Amino acid sequence: MIKSMTGFGKAVAETPQRKITIEIKSLNSRQLDLNTRLPYLYREKEPEIRNLVSQKLDRGKIDLTIFFDSLEDEGTAVINKSAVKKYYTQFKEIAEELNVSIEDQFLPAIMKLPDTFKNEKADLPESEWNLVRQQLIESIRMLDNYRIEEGTSIEKDLKTSLEKILNFLGETEKHEAGRITKVRDKLLNLLVENAGTENIDKNRFEQELIFYLEKFDFNEEKVRLRKHCDYFVETIASDSPNGKVLNFITQEIGREINTIGSKANDASIQRLVVMMKDELEKIKEQTLNIL
């Protein structure tokens, strides 16, 4: 079974104080690349969150977002007395140096300066974290199911392209016998034109012809190509993750197809090789999205 690296999951948790939404999505990546966007309340749990994701998801560029809507007031803005006093002291020192009297209007000016107000933030209740953790696991499960469904669709496309490659490979056999006859006739005509019929040693010609035609024989490549295709199907059925293995097998399939093309020496076979390459490119694109 194969899985796609593309997926999406979403879960919602509610407490009396807030509504928490968890969204997780993944795209292609060579390794696990996790980006998190967390509200201040959950930042202390980031290591645990990362550990949960890495345990469940093997690979992919993963974006995890947690945000919440407050259902009631959670924090109260209070005056930072120490900061206000420090500002006032500095204002007073400057006023004395400049021989300026400090009046009541300085206080409104001070209150506009940074850090004169502070929010007292509540700690994260353990009961709330347990709920969020449960919903995080649920969103990861949803993403994994999404990957499985998309993987099923990819598997169908892969098998279709692979079947076409094997069909094109089978069609090359129709042209092989004629290809050898064409090569033989072409070489014989060249010899007759340049050396004359009476100067041709037919036995020697046949020996040289066999040696020459060996360079165009691609039976070994056909056997290896079929084996690679069989291994590809076996790997699809194996447990995920198997995307990297499928990518390696695809490279081997491409190597055999290229060799067949270089040995073909026949326009009809070359056209079939081009069609095999076209299907192989589709497979390569799909394997990049396999976990």
Foldseek 3Di string as FASTA:
>chain_A
DWFFQWFKFKFWDDDQWKIKIKIKTWFFDPWEAEDEDEPPQCPVVVVVLVVLLVVLDTGTNMYIYMDIDTPDDFKDKDFPVVQLVVVVVVVVVVCVVVVHDDDPVVSVVSCVDPPRIDIDGDHDDPVVVVRVVVRSNVRSVRGRVRRVVVLVVLVVLLVVLLVLLLVLLVVLVVCPVVLLVVVLVVVVVVCCVPPNPVPDDVVVSVVVSVVVLVQLDLPVLSVVLVVLSVVLNVLSPDDPPRLVVNLVSLVSNLVSLVSNCVSNNDPSSVVSSVSSVVSSVVNNVSSSRID
